[in-house]
Amino acid sequence: MAKLQLTPEVLELIAERFKALAEPARLRILDQLRRGEHTVSELVEETGFGQANVSKHLQLLHNLGFVARWKQGLFVYYTLADRGVQQLCDVMCDRLEAEHKARRKLLAS
């Protein structure tokens, strides 16, 4: 774990990032970006969310440094900028899988 001093200001910044990740729509967008770069239109098609909604979430994720963007011709492409976000999601998925297995084992006995 990082040796960052957990001052009230730092804790606020951490909480802000966890709050952003607490939104299922943003997690769905991040999951799509984990698979590679996407345009807003592609994310709209793949998630089923409206264009304005996807754009709003991408703006917030970009402002927090979770995603990077660049323009190529008429399109803006997005990709994960911080692989730590993917690792954090992987840790949580592993935890949920372990809990699910434990429940199944308990119910089977």
PDB file of N, CA and C in Angstrom:
ATOM      1  N   MET A   1       0.842  -1.188   0.000  1.00  0.00           N
ATOM      2  CA  MET A   1       0.000   0.000   0.000  1.00  0.00           C
ATOM      3  C   MET A   1       0.878   1.239   0.000  1.00  0.00           C
ATOM      4  N   ALA A   2       0.408   2.267  -0.640  1.00  0.00           N
ATOM      5  CA  ALA A   2       1.146   3.524  -0.741  1.00  0.00           C
ATOM      6  C   ALA A   2       1.334   4.134   0.641  1.00  0.00           C
ATOM      7  N   LYS A   3       2.396   4.895   0.771  1.00  0.00           N
ATOM      8  CA  LYS A   3       2.720   5.534   2.043  1.00  0.00           C
ATOM      9  C   LYS A   3       2.153   6.949   2.121  1.00  0.00           C
ATOM     10  N   LEU A   4       1.116   7.223   1.377  1.00  0.00           N
ATOM     11  CA  LEU A   4       0.493   8.532   1.346  1.00  0.00           C
ATOM     12  C   LEU A   4      -0.117   8.847   2.704  1.00  0.00           C
ATOM     13  N   GLN A   5       0.154  10.039   3.197  1.00  0.00           N
ATOM     14  CA  GLN A   5      -0.436  10.485   4.458  1.00  0.00           C
ATOM     15  C   GLN A   5      -1.924  10.735   4.238  1.00  0.00           C
ATOM     16  N   LEU A   6      -2.769  10.075   5.001  1.00  0.00           N
ATOM     17  CA  LEU A   6      -4.212  10.174   4.804  1.00  0.00           C
ATOM     18  C   LEU A   6      -4.781  11.368   5.566  1.00  0.00           C
ATOM     19  N   THR A   7      -4.470  12.539   5.046  1.00  0.00           N
ATOM     20  CA  THR A   7      -5.018  13.771   5.609  1.00  0.00           C
ATOM     21  C   THR A   7      -6.489  13.872   5.227  1.00  0.00           C
ATOM     22  N   PRO A   8      -7.243  14.739   5.872  1.00  0.00           N
ATOM     23  CA  PRO A   8      -8.648  14.910   5.478  1.00  0.00           C
ATOM     24  C   PRO A   8      -8.805  15.258   4.000  1.00  0.00           C
ATOM     25  N   GLU A   9      -7.901  16.049   3.465  1.00  0.00           N
ATOM     26  CA  GLU A   9      -7.979  16.424   2.050  1.00  0.00           C
ATOM     27  C   GLU A   9      -7.765  15.217   1.145  1.00  0.00           C
ATOM     28  N   VAL A  10      -6.780  14.398   1.486  1.00  0.00           N
ATOM     29  CA  VAL A  10      -6.495  13.197   0.697  1.00  0.00           C
ATOM     30  C   VAL A  10      -7.666  12.224   0.786  1.00  0.00           C
ATOM     31  N   LEU A  11      -8.231  12.071   1.971  1.00  0.00           N
ATOM     32  CA  LEU A  11      -9.385  11.185   2.127  1.00  0.00           C
ATOM     33  C   LEU A  11     -10.566  11.658   1.286  1.00  0.00           C
ATOM     34  N   GLU A  12     -10.754  12.966   1.171  1.00  0.00           N
ATOM     35  CA  GLU A  12     -11.815  13.506   0.311  1.00  0.00           C
ATOM     36  C   GLU A  12     -11.566  13.141  -1.151  1.00  0.00           C
ATOM     37  N   LEU A  13     -10.311  13.250  -1.595  1.00  0.00           N
ATOM     38  CA  LEU A  13      -9.976  12.900  -2.978  1.00  0.00           C
ATOM     39  C   LEU A  13     -10.206  11.416  -3.242  1.00  0.00           C
ATOM     40  N   ILE A  14      -9.837  10.591  -2.282  1.00  0.00           N
ATOM     41  CA  ILE A  14     -10.050   9.145  -2.421  1.00  0.00           C
ATOM     42  C   ILE A  14     -11.549   8.848  -2.482  1.00  0.00           C
ATOM     43  N   ALA A  15     -12.308   9.459  -1.577  1.00  0.00           N
ATOM     44  CA  ALA A  15     -13.760   9.238  -1.549  1.00  0.00           C
ATOM     45  C   ALA A  15     -14.412   9.685  -2.852  1.00  0.00           C
ATOM     46  N   GLU A  16     -13.922  10.781  -3.422  1.00  0.00           N
ATOM     47  CA  GLU A  16     -14.459  11.273  -4.695  1.00  0.00           C
ATOM     48  C   GLU A  16     -14.276  10.226  -5.794  1.00  0.00           C
ATOM     49  N   ARG A  17     -13.139   9.564  -5.802  1.00  0.00           N
ATOM     50  CA  ARG A  17     -12.881   8.547  -6.818  1.00  0.00           C
ATOM     51  C   ARG A  17     -13.726   7.295  -6.593  1.00  0.00           C
ATOM     52  N   PHE A  18     -13.850   6.879  -5.333  1.00  0.00           N
ATOM     53  CA  PHE A  18     -14.713   5.731  -5.055  1.00  0.00           C
ATOM     54  C   PHE A  18     -16.172   6.054  -5.380  1.00  0.00           C
ATOM     55  N   LYS A  19     -16.581   7.281  -5.126  1.00  0.00           N
ATOM     56  CA  LYS A  19     -17.947   7.691  -5.463  1.00  0.00           C
ATOM     57  C   LYS A  19     -18.178   7.578  -6.968  1.00  0.00           C
ATOM     58  N   ALA A  20     -17.202   7.990  -7.749  1.00  0.00           N
ATOM     59  CA  ALA A  20     -17.326   7.881  -9.208  1.00  0.00           C
ATOM     60  C   ALA A  20     -17.451   6.427  -9.638  1.00  0.00           C
ATOM     61  N   LEU A  21     -16.733   5.544  -8.961  1.00  0.00           N
ATOM     62  CA  LEU A  21     -16.770   4.124  -9.308  1.00  0.00           C
ATOM     63  C   LEU A  21     -17.992   3.413  -8.737  1.00  0.00           C
ATOM     64  N   ALA A  22     -18.753   4.093  -7.886  1.00  0.00           N
ATOM     65  CA  ALA A  22     -19.947   3.488  -7.295  1.00  0.00           C
ATOM     66  C   ALA A  22     -21.148   3.545  -8.234  1.00  0.00           C
ATOM     67  N   GLU A  23     -20.998   4.172  -9.369  1.00  0.00           N
ATOM     68  CA  GLU A  23     -22.084   4.299 -10.348  1.00  0.00           C
ATOM     69  C   GLU A  23     -22.005   3.144 -11.345  1.00  0.00           C
ATOM     70  N   PRO A  24     -23.018   2.254 -11.378  1.00  0.00           N
ATOM     71  CA  PRO A  24     -22.973   1.100 -12.283  1.00  0.00           C
ATOM     72  C   PRO A  24     -22.769   1.467 -13.755  1.00  0.00           C
ATOM     73  N   ALA A  25     -23.338   2.572 -14.197  1.00  0.00           N
ATOM     74  CA  ALA A  25     -23.171   2.965 -15.605  1.00  0.00           C
ATOM     75  C   ALA A  25     -21.701   3.247 -15.910  1.00  0.00           C
ATOM     76  N   ARG A  26     -21.012   3.896 -14.984  1.00  0.00           N
ATOM     77  CA  ARG A  26     -19.589   4.182 -15.207  1.00  0.00           C
ATOM     78  C   ARG A  26     -18.774   2.896 -15.215  1.00  0.00           C
ATOM     79  N   LEU A  27     -19.131   1.969 -14.346  1.00  0.00           N
ATOM     80  CA  LEU A  27     -18.424   0.683 -14.343  1.00  0.00           C
ATOM     81  C   LEU A  27     -18.636  -0.045 -15.665  1.00  0.00           C
ATOM     82  N   ARG A  28     -19.828   0.052 -16.207  1.00  0.00           N
ATOM     83  CA  ARG A  28     -20.109  -0.596 -17.498  1.00  0.00           C
ATOM     84  C   ARG A  28     -19.277   0.039 -18.608  1.00  0.00           C
ATOM     85  N   ILE A  29     -19.169   1.359 -18.589  1.00  0.00           N
ATOM     86  CA  ILE A  29     -18.352   2.063 -19.581  1.00  0.00           C
ATOM     87  C   ILE A  29     -16.888   1.679 -19.414  1.00  0.00           C
ATOM     88  N   LEU A  30     -16.404   1.650 -18.182  1.00  0.00           N
ATOM     89  CA  LEU A  30     -15.010   1.260 -17.941  1.00  0.00           C
ATOM     90  C   LEU A  30     -14.750  -0.171 -18.403  1.00  0.00           C
ATOM     91  N   ASP A  31     -15.736  -1.048 -18.211  1.00  0.00           N
ATOM     92  CA  ASP A  31     -15.580  -2.429 -18.663  1.00  0.00           C
ATOM     93  C   ASP A  31     -15.432  -2.489 -20.175  1.00  0.00           C
ATOM     94  N   GLN A  32     -16.202  -1.685 -20.889  1.00  0.00           N
ATOM     95  CA  GLN A  32     -16.062  -1.645 -22.349  1.00  0.00           C
ATOM     96  C   GLN A  32     -14.691  -1.101 -22.747  1.00  0.00           C
ATOM     97  N   LEU A  33     -14.234  -0.072 -22.060  1.00  0.00           N
ATOM     98  CA  LEU A  33     -12.933   0.519 -22.388  1.00  0.00           C
ATOM     99  C   LEU A  33     -11.783  -0.416 -22.030  1.00  0.00           C
ATOM    100  N   ARG A  34     -12.018  -1.293 -21.089  1.00  0.00           N
ATOM    101  CA  ARG A  34     -11.005  -2.286 -20.721  1.00  0.00           C
ATOM    102  C   ARG A  34     -10.684  -3.193 -21.913  1.00  0.00           C
ATOM    103  N   ARG A  35     -11.637  -3.328 -22.799  1.00  0.00           N
ATOM    104  CA  ARG A  35     -11.480  -4.186 -23.982  1.00  0.00           C
ATOM    105  C   ARG A  35     -10.816  -3.464 -25.141  1.00  0.00           C
ATOM    106  N   GLY A  36     -10.612  -2.140 -24.988  1.00  0.00           N
ATOM    107  CA  GLY A  36      -9.950  -1.376 -26.041  1.00  0.00           C
ATOM    108  C   GLY A  36     -10.588  -0.013 -26.224  1.00  0.00           C
ATOM    109  N   GLU A  37     -10.012   0.765 -27.118  1.00  0.00           N
ATOM    110  CA  GLU A  37     -10.497   2.126 -27.351  1.00  0.00           C
ATOM    111  C   GLU A  37     -11.879   2.106 -27.995  1.00  0.00           C
ATOM    112  N   HIS A  38     -12.674   3.119 -27.678  1.00  0.00           N
ATOM    113  CA  HIS A  38     -14.033   3.241 -28.204  1.00  0.00           C
ATOM    114  C   HIS A  38     -14.366   4.707 -28.434  1.00  0.00           C
ATOM    115  N   THR A  39     -15.238   4.941 -29.386  1.00  0.00           N
ATOM    116  CA  THR A  39     -15.829   6.266 -29.559  1.00  0.00           C
ATOM    117  C   THR A  39     -17.087   6.334 -28.693  1.00  0.00           C
ATOM    118  N   VAL A  40     -17.611   7.539 -28.519  1.00  0.00           N
ATOM    119  CA  VAL A  40     -18.859   7.697 -27.776  1.00  0.00           C
ATOM    120  C   VAL A  40     -19.967   6.895 -28.452  1.00  0.00           C
ATOM    121  N   SER A  41     -20.041   6.962 -29.770  1.00  0.00           N
ATOM    122  CA  SER A  41     -21.086   6.227 -30.504  1.00  0.00           C
ATOM    123  C   SER A  41     -21.000   4.730 -30.252  1.00  0.00           C
ATOM    124  N   GLU A  42     -19.799   4.193 -30.242  1.00  0.00           N
ATOM    125  CA  GLU A  42     -19.629   2.761 -29.970  1.00  0.00           C
ATOM    126  C   GLU A  42     -20.071   2.423 -28.551  1.00  0.00           C
ATOM    127  N   LEU A  43     -19.727   3.287 -27.604  1.00  0.00           N
ATOM    128  CA  LEU A  43     -20.130   3.044 -26.217  1.00  0.00           C
ATOM    129  C   LEU A  43     -21.644   3.133 -26.052  1.00  0.00           C
ATOM    130  N   VAL A  44     -22.271   4.054 -26.761  1.00  0.00           N
ATOM    131  CA  VAL A  44     -23.734   4.164 -26.735  1.00  0.00           C
ATOM    132  C   VAL A  44     -24.351   2.866 -27.240  1.00  0.00           C
ATOM    133  N   GLU A  45     -23.842   2.368 -28.348  1.00  0.00           N
ATOM    134  CA  GLU A  45     -24.370   1.132 -28.936  1.00  0.00           C
ATOM    135  C   GLU A  45     -24.146  -0.064 -28.014  1.00  0.00           C
ATOM    136  N   GLU A  46     -22.968  -0.159 -27.427  1.00  0.00           N
ATOM    137  CA  GLU A  46     -22.630  -1.334 -26.614  1.00  0.00           C
ATOM    138  C   GLU A  46     -23.280  -1.326 -25.238  1.00  0.00           C
ATOM    139  N   THR A  47     -23.524  -0.142 -24.687  1.00  0.00           N
ATOM    140  CA  THR A  47     -24.106  -0.074 -23.345  1.00  0.00           C
ATOM    141  C   THR A  47     -25.615   0.114 -23.351  1.00  0.00           C
ATOM    142  N   GLY A  48     -26.143   0.675 -24.434  1.00  0.00           N
ATOM    143  CA  GLY A  48     -27.565   0.977 -24.477  1.00  0.00           C
ATOM    144  C   GLY A  48     -27.930   2.274 -23.775  1.00  0.00           C
ATOM    145  N   PHE A  49     -26.953   3.004 -23.286  1.00  0.00           N
ATOM    146  CA  PHE A  49     -27.194   4.293 -22.638  1.00  0.00           C
ATOM    147  C   PHE A  49     -27.324   5.374 -23.699  1.00  0.00           C
ATOM    148  N   GLY A  50     -27.970   6.467 -23.343  1.00  0.00           N
ATOM    149  CA  GLY A  50     -28.090   7.593 -24.260  1.00  0.00           C
ATOM    150  C   GLY A  50     -26.757   8.293 -24.466  1.00  0.00           C
ATOM    151  N   GLN A  51     -26.641   8.984 -25.595  1.00  0.00           N
ATOM    152  CA  GLN A  51     -25.389   9.658 -25.943  1.00  0.00           C
ATOM    153  C   GLN A  51     -25.014  10.717 -24.909  1.00  0.00           C
ATOM    154  N   ALA A  52     -25.982  11.496 -24.458  1.00  0.00           N
ATOM    155  CA  ALA A  52     -25.695  12.537 -23.467  1.00  0.00           C
ATOM    156  C   ALA A  52     -25.226  11.923 -22.153  1.00  0.00           C
ATOM    157  N   ASN A  53     -25.835  10.805 -21.779  1.00  0.00           N
ATOM    158  CA  ASN A  53     -25.469  10.110 -20.544  1.00  0.00           C
ATOM    159  C   ASN A  53     -24.040   9.575 -20.623  1.00  0.00           C
ATOM    160  N   VAL A  54     -23.709   8.928 -21.734  1.00  0.00           N
ATOM    161  CA  VAL A  54     -22.355   8.396 -21.918  1.00  0.00           C
ATOM    162  C   VAL A  54     -21.338   9.532 -21.898  1.00  0.00           C
ATOM    163  N   SER A  55     -21.635  10.601 -22.594  1.00  0.00           N
ATOM    164  CA  SER A  55     -20.714  11.741 -22.641  1.00  0.00           C
ATOM    165  C   SER A  55     -20.486  12.337 -21.259  1.00  0.00           C
ATOM    166  N   LYS A  56     -21.555  12.446 -20.479  1.00  0.00           N
ATOM    167  CA  LYS A  56     -21.455  12.982 -19.114  1.00  0.00           C
ATOM    168  C   LYS A  56     -20.546  12.103 -18.258  1.00  0.00           C
ATOM    169  N   HIS A  57     -20.751  10.791 -18.326  1.00  0.00           N
ATOM    170  CA  HIS A  57     -19.929   9.868 -17.540  1.00  0.00           C
ATOM    171  C   HIS A  57     -18.472   9.897 -17.999  1.00  0.00           C
ATOM    172  N   LEU A  58     -18.255   9.940 -19.299  1.00  0.00           N
ATOM    173  CA  LEU A  58     -16.888   9.994 -19.822  1.00  0.00           C
ATOM    174  C   LEU A  58     -16.174  11.268 -19.383  1.00  0.00           C
ATOM    175  N   GLN A  59     -16.882  12.378 -19.357  1.00  0.00           N
ATOM    176  CA  GLN A  59     -16.284  13.643 -18.918  1.00  0.00           C
ATOM    177  C   GLN A  59     -15.799  13.533 -17.474  1.00  0.00           C
ATOM    178  N   LEU A  60     -16.635  12.974 -16.615  1.00  0.00           N
ATOM    179  CA  LEU A  60     -16.252  12.817 -15.214  1.00  0.00           C
ATOM    180  C   LEU A  60     -15.071  11.863 -15.074  1.00  0.00           C
ATOM    181  N   LEU A  61     -15.131  10.733 -15.780  1.00  0.00           N
ATOM    182  CA  LEU A  61     -14.036   9.758 -15.720  1.00  0.00           C
ATOM    183  C   LEU A  61     -12.736  10.359 -16.252  1.00  0.00           C
ATOM    184  N   HIS A  62     -12.840  11.194 -17.258  1.00  0.00           N
ATOM    185  CA  HIS A  62     -11.662  11.867 -17.806  1.00  0.00           C
ATOM    186  C   HIS A  62     -11.110  12.876 -16.801  1.00  0.00           C
ATOM    187  N   ASN A  63     -11.988  13.655 -16.189  1.00  0.00           N
ATOM    188  CA  ASN A  63     -11.549  14.652 -15.211  1.00  0.00           C
ATOM    189  C   ASN A  63     -10.830  14.021 -14.023  1.00  0.00           C
ATOM    190  N   LEU A  64     -11.217  12.800 -13.670  1.00  0.00           N
ATOM    191  CA  LEU A  64     -10.579  12.095 -12.559  1.00  0.00           C
ATOM    192  C   LEU A  64      -9.339  11.320 -12.991  1.00  0.00           C
ATOM    193  N   GLY A  65      -9.041  11.318 -14.283  1.00  0.00           N
ATOM    194  CA  GLY A  65      -7.850  10.638 -14.772  1.00  0.00           C
ATOM    195  C   GLY A  65      -8.023   9.153 -15.022  1.00  0.00           C
ATOM    196  N   PHE A  66      -9.265   8.673 -15.000  1.00  0.00           N
ATOM    197  CA  PHE A  66      -9.518   7.255 -15.237  1.00  0.00           C
ATOM    198  C   PHE A  66      -9.461   6.899 -16.717  1.00  0.00           C
ATOM    199  N   VAL A  67      -9.849   7.837 -17.578  1.00  0.00           N
ATOM    200  CA  VAL A  67      -9.821   7.593 -19.017  1.00  0.00           C
ATOM    201  C   VAL A  67      -9.056   8.706 -19.725  1.00  0.00           C
ATOM    202  N   ALA A  68      -8.483   8.347 -20.862  1.00  0.00           N
ATOM    203  CA  ALA A  68      -7.805   9.312 -21.735  1.00  0.00           C
ATOM    204  C   ALA A  68      -8.629   9.440 -23.002  1.00  0.00           C
ATOM    205  N   ARG A  69      -8.489  10.562 -23.674  1.00  0.00           N
ATOM    206  CA  ARG A  69      -9.224  10.764 -24.926  1.00  0.00           C
ATOM    207  C   ARG A  69      -8.336  11.495 -25.917  1.00  0.00           C
ATOM    208  N   TRP A  70      -8.638  11.271 -27.190  1.00  0.00           N
ATOM    209  CA  TRP A  70      -7.942  11.975 -28.257  1.00  0.00           C
ATOM    210  C   TRP A  70      -8.865  12.031 -29.459  1.00  0.00           C
ATOM    211  N   LYS A  71      -8.645  13.044 -30.255  1.00  0.00           N
ATOM    212  CA  LYS A  71      -9.470  13.243 -31.447  1.00  0.00           C
ATOM    213  C   LYS A  71      -8.708  12.752 -32.663  1.00  0.00           C
ATOM    214  N   GLN A  72      -9.421  12.022 -33.499  1.00  0.00           N
ATOM    215  CA  GLN A  72      -8.865  11.544 -34.759  1.00  0.00           C
ATOM    216  C   GLN A  72      -9.928  11.792 -35.824  1.00  0.00           C
ATOM    217  N   GLY A  73      -9.679  12.752 -36.672  1.00  0.00           N
ATOM    218  CA  GLY A  73     -10.682  13.123 -37.664  1.00  0.00           C
ATOM    219  C   GLY A  73     -11.907  13.697 -36.978  1.00  0.00           C
ATOM    220  N   LEU A  74     -13.057  13.120 -37.276  1.00  0.00           N
ATOM    221  CA  LEU A  74     -14.309  13.588 -36.686  1.00  0.00           C
ATOM    222  C   LEU A  74     -14.641  12.910 -35.361  1.00  0.00           C
ATOM    223  N   PHE A  75     -13.860  11.924 -34.973  1.00  0.00           N
ATOM    224  CA  PHE A  75     -14.195  11.106 -33.813  1.00  0.00           C
ATOM    225  C   PHE A  75     -13.270  11.380 -32.635  1.00  0.00           C
ATOM    226  N   VAL A  76     -13.841  11.270 -31.432  1.00  0.00           N
ATOM    227  CA  VAL A  76     -13.067  11.319 -30.196  1.00  0.00           C
ATOM    228  C   VAL A  76     -13.028   9.898 -29.658  1.00  0.00           C
ATOM    229  N   TYR A  77     -11.827   9.412 -29.410  1.00  0.00           N
ATOM    230  CA  TYR A  77     -11.633   8.063 -28.893  1.00  0.00           C
ATOM    231  C   TYR A  77     -11.308   8.117 -27.408  1.00  0.00           C
ATOM    232  N   TYR A  78     -11.790   7.112 -26.700  1.00  0.00           N
ATOM    233  CA  TYR A  78     -11.540   6.992 -25.265  1.00  0.00           C
ATOM    234  C   TYR A  78     -10.882   5.652 -24.986  1.00  0.00           C
ATOM    235  N   THR A  79     -10.026   5.648 -23.971  1.00  0.00           N
ATOM    236  CA  THR A  79      -9.379   4.421 -23.524  1.00  0.00           C
ATOM    237  C   THR A  79      -9.088   4.548 -22.035  1.00  0.00           C
ATOM    238  N   LEU A  80      -8.802   3.439 -21.383  1.00  0.00           N
ATOM    239  CA  LEU A  80      -8.408   3.505 -19.977  1.00  0.00           C
ATOM    240  C   LEU A  80      -7.071   4.214 -19.863  1.00  0.00           C
ATOM    241  N   ALA A  81      -6.985   5.160 -18.961  1.00  0.00           N
ATOM    242  CA  ALA A  81      -5.732   5.871 -18.727  1.00  0.00           C
ATOM    243  C   ALA A  81      -5.019   5.314 -17.507  1.00  0.00           C
ATOM    244  N   ASP A  82      -5.767   4.635 -16.661  1.00  0.00           N
ATOM    245  CA  ASP A  82      -5.219   4.148 -15.401  1.00  0.00           C
ATOM    246  C   ASP A  82      -5.575   2.673 -15.246  1.00  0.00           C
ATOM    247  N   ARG A  83      -4.611   1.812 -15.471  1.00  0.00           N
ATOM    248  CA  ARG A  83      -4.856   0.364 -15.352  1.00  0.00           C
ATOM    249  C   ARG A  83      -5.140  -0.041 -13.908  1.00  0.00           C
ATOM    250  N   GLY A  84      -4.813   0.832 -12.966  1.00  0.00           N
ATOM    251  CA  GLY A  84      -5.137   0.564 -11.569  1.00  0.00           C
ATOM    252  C   GLY A  84      -6.633   0.443 -11.346  1.00  0.00           C
ATOM    253  N   VAL A  85      -7.418   1.166 -12.132  1.00  0.00           N
ATOM    254  CA  VAL A  85      -8.877   1.070 -12.039  1.00  0.00           C
ATOM    255  C   VAL A  85      -9.315  -0.335 -12.427  1.00  0.00           C
ATOM    256  N   GLN A  86      -8.723  -0.869 -13.471  1.00  0.00           N
ATOM    257  CA  GLN A  86      -9.042  -2.238 -13.893  1.00  0.00           C
ATOM    258  C   GLN A  86      -8.642  -3.221 -12.797  1.00  0.00           C
ATOM    259  N   GLN A  87      -7.484  -3.015 -12.201  1.00  0.00           N
ATOM    260  CA  GLN A  87      -7.037  -3.902 -11.126  1.00  0.00           C
ATOM    261  C   GLN A  87      -7.985  -3.840  -9.935  1.00  0.00           C
ATOM    262  N   LEU A  88      -8.449  -2.641  -9.609  1.00  0.00           N
ATOM    263  CA  LEU A  88      -9.392  -2.483  -8.508  1.00  0.00           C
ATOM    264  C   LEU A  88     -10.687  -3.236  -8.804  1.00  0.00           C
ATOM    265  N   CYS A  89     -11.181  -3.120 -10.013  1.00  0.00           N
ATOM    266  CA  CYS A  89     -12.395  -3.851 -10.410  1.00  0.00           C
ATOM    267  C   CYS A  89     -12.161  -5.360 -10.383  1.00  0.00           C
ATOM    268  N   ASP A  90     -10.984  -5.796 -10.815  1.00  0.00           N
ATOM    269  CA  ASP A  90     -10.657  -7.224 -10.782  1.00  0.00           C
ATOM    270  C   ASP A  90     -10.637  -7.753  -9.348  1.00  0.00           C
ATOM    271  N   VAL A  91     -10.085  -6.969  -8.424  1.00  0.00           N
ATOM    272  CA  VAL A  91     -10.051  -7.368  -7.014  1.00  0.00           C
ATOM    273  C   VAL A  91     -11.476  -7.540  -6.493  1.00  0.00           C
ATOM    274  N   MET A  92     -12.345  -6.592  -6.811  1.00  0.00           N
ATOM    275  CA  MET A  92     -13.727  -6.670  -6.344  1.00  0.00           C
ATOM    276  C   MET A  92     -14.454  -7.859  -6.975  1.00  0.00           C
ATOM    277  N   CYS A  93     -14.229  -8.110  -8.251  1.00  0.00           N
ATOM    278  CA  CYS A  93     -14.855  -9.265  -8.912  1.00  0.00           C
ATOM    279  C   CYS A  93     -14.385 -10.569  -8.286  1.00  0.00           C
ATOM    280  N   ASP A  94     -13.096 -10.665  -7.989  1.00  0.00           N
ATOM    281  CA  ASP A  94     -12.565 -11.862  -7.326  1.00  0.00           C
ATOM    282  C   ASP A  94     -13.212 -12.044  -5.954  1.00  0.00           C
ATOM    283  N   ARG A  95     -13.382 -10.951  -5.240  1.00  0.00           N
ATOM    284  CA  ARG A  95     -14.000 -10.996  -3.914  1.00  0.00           C
ATOM    285  C   ARG A  95     -15.449 -11.467  -4.015  1.00  0.00           C
ATOM    286  N   LEU A  96     -16.185 -10.941  -4.975  1.00  0.00           N
ATOM    287  CA  LEU A  96     -17.580 -11.352  -5.157  1.00  0.00           C
ATOM    288  C   LEU A  96     -17.685 -12.824  -5.535  1.00  0.00           C
ATOM    289  N   GLU A  97     -16.766 -13.280  -6.379  1.00  0.00           N
ATOM    290  CA  GLU A  97     -16.761 -14.694  -6.765  1.00  0.00           C
ATOM    291  C   GLU A  97     -16.498 -15.584  -5.556  1.00  0.00           C
ATOM    292  N   ALA A  98     -15.564 -15.188  -4.707  1.00  0.00           N
ATOM    293  CA  ALA A  98     -15.263 -15.965  -3.501  1.00  0.00           C
ATOM    294  C   ALA A  98     -16.470 -16.002  -2.564  1.00  0.00           C
ATOM    295  N   GLU A  99     -17.153 -14.879  -2.410  1.00  0.00           N
ATOM    296  CA  GLU A  99     -18.358 -14.840  -1.574  1.00  0.00           C
ATOM    297  C   GLU A  99     -19.443 -15.750  -2.145  1.00  0.00           C
ATOM    298  N   HIS A 100     -19.603 -15.719  -3.455  1.00  0.00           N
ATOM    299  CA  HIS A 100     -20.618 -16.550  -4.113  1.00  0.00           C
ATOM    300  C   HIS A 100     -20.318 -18.035  -3.898  1.00  0.00           C
ATOM    301  N   LYS A 101     -19.060 -18.418  -4.055  1.00  0.00           N
ATOM    302  CA  LYS A 101     -18.671 -19.817  -3.837  1.00  0.00           C
ATOM    303  C   LYS A 101     -18.917 -20.231  -2.396  1.00  0.00           C
ATOM    304  N   ALA A 102     -18.609 -19.354  -1.454  1.00  0.00           N
ATOM    305  CA  ALA A 102     -18.816 -19.664  -0.038  1.00  0.00           C
ATOM    306  C   ALA A 102     -20.299 -19.853   0.263  1.00  0.00           C
ATOM    307  N   ARG A 103     -21.149 -19.024  -0.317  1.00  0.00           N
ATOM    308  CA  ARG A 103     -22.598 -19.163  -0.118  1.00  0.00           C
ATOM    309  C   ARG A 103     -23.115 -20.473  -0.698  1.00  0.00           C
ATOM    310  N   ARG A 104     -22.643 -20.802  -1.911  1.00  0.00           N
ATOM    311  CA  ARG A 104     -23.079 -22.066  -2.537  1.00  0.00           C
ATOM    312  C   ARG A 104     -22.662 -23.250  -1.683  1.00  0.00           C
ATOM    313  N   LYS A 105     -21.447 -23.203  -1.165  1.00  0.00           N
ATOM    314  CA  LYS A 105     -20.944 -24.298  -0.332  1.00  0.00           C
ATOM    315  C   LYS A 105     -21.774 -24.408   0.945  1.00  0.00           C
ATOM    316  N   LEU A 106     -22.109 -23.287   1.535  1.00  0.00           N
ATOM    317  CA  LEU A 106     -22.910 -23.271   2.753  1.00  0.00           C
ATOM    318  C   LEU A 106     -24.309 -23.824   2.493  1.00  0.00           C
ATOM    319  N   LEU A 107     -24.908 -23.452   1.374  1.00  0.00           N
ATOM    320  CA  LEU A 107     -26.250 -23.930   1.044  1.00  0.00           C
ATOM    321  C   LEU A 107     -26.262 -25.409   0.687  1.00  0.00           C
ATOM    322  N   ALA A 108     -25.152 -25.904   0.161  1.00  0.00           N
ATOM    323  CA  ALA A 108     -25.070 -27.313  -0.238  1.00  0.00           C
ATOM    324  C   ALA A 108     -24.901 -28.235   0.966  1.00  0.00           C
ATOM    325  N   SER A 109     -24.453 -27.695   2.085  1.00  0.00           N
ATOM    326  CA  SER A 109     -24.221 -28.570   3.249  1.00  0.00           C
ATOM    327  C   SER A 109     -25.411 -28.651   4.165  1.00  0.00           C
TER     328      SER A 109
END
